[in-house]
Amino acid sequence: ISDINCLPFPHWDIYPSNSFFYSIYTDMTPVFPVLSSRGCPNPCGYYCPYPLTQGKRFRARALENVIDELVYLKQKYGAQAVVFRDPIFTYDMDRAMRISEGMSKRDMGLRWVAETTPFQINRELLEAMAKAGLVGLNIGIESADPEVLESSGRQRAKYDNLKELIRWCHGLDIKVGAFYIIGLQGDTKDSIEQTIRMSKELRTDYAQFSIATPYPGTRFYDKVRNDIIENEWGCFDGCTAVVGSGNLSPKKLNELKWKALRSFYLRPSYIFQRLGIL
């Protein structure tokens, strides 16, 4: 669909509104998903399914159309928060600024969450988003290893730049989630351990450790299709390894994923931080 402004707003009446929540960022309910744009032209389509499901061409809704949906959700369903499910909310930074300013101008009182990359946001935009009610920002980091990132079509973010972005967010009372992927092509036990260490050093509020999944239609799938050990579609969930990486078996990748989660969430400093002791 080229003109996504023509799409009607979703009707949420068939769902109980108390089932809509996103508790890691806000205890306000109900929370509704919103797509203000579709498509992702970024080169990580090597493994990412967004270009398959939404296309590579970026198509954005008009500012008025987005604001009208937010008003609709607030007035009809009592929305207290929204999650922008755009692949990269800040892909067009000027547009993200206009949406943020539009939300502030309407004084909507909504809390919201968005997803971005370290390369498509700056301090000025972040401040405008915070003023408009942003409470959570998910950042795609993927790996700490530059060679793994390069082989997967990802640009590497400098460690100091990541630290600065996270510091900005925390200074504006924005919680930060970091997205990592285990088992990208070229990943080794050492590179995954490096990613785990960095995830703790960055001190984000949350971390998601997914497993690289070869979705049919991606170049990743074309490269490893003969090595896939599981054809049950339910296992292609981003949490279960269906193919290995180098000398790492799918079983080992699953073990490293659980190690990453335990290392991040069960360390005393993190627990004390969440309890407000640190």
Foldseek 3Di string as FASTA:
>chain_A
DQAPLPDDADDPVVPDFVVADDVLFDPDTDEEEDEQKAADLAQLLLQDCRCVVGNHDIHGHDLVSRVVSLVVCCVVVVGQEYEHPYPACQPPVVVLLSNLVVLLVVVSNHAYEYEHELVRDDLVSLVSNLSSHYAEYEYEQAFPDCVLCVVSRHDHDDLVSLLVVQVSCVVSNHAYEYEYEFARAPDDPVRLVVRLVSVQVSPGLYYHYFYRARDPPRNNCVVCVVQFQDDDVVQRPRQFQRGHYDPGGSVNRNVSNVVSVCSRCVDPVSVCVVVVND
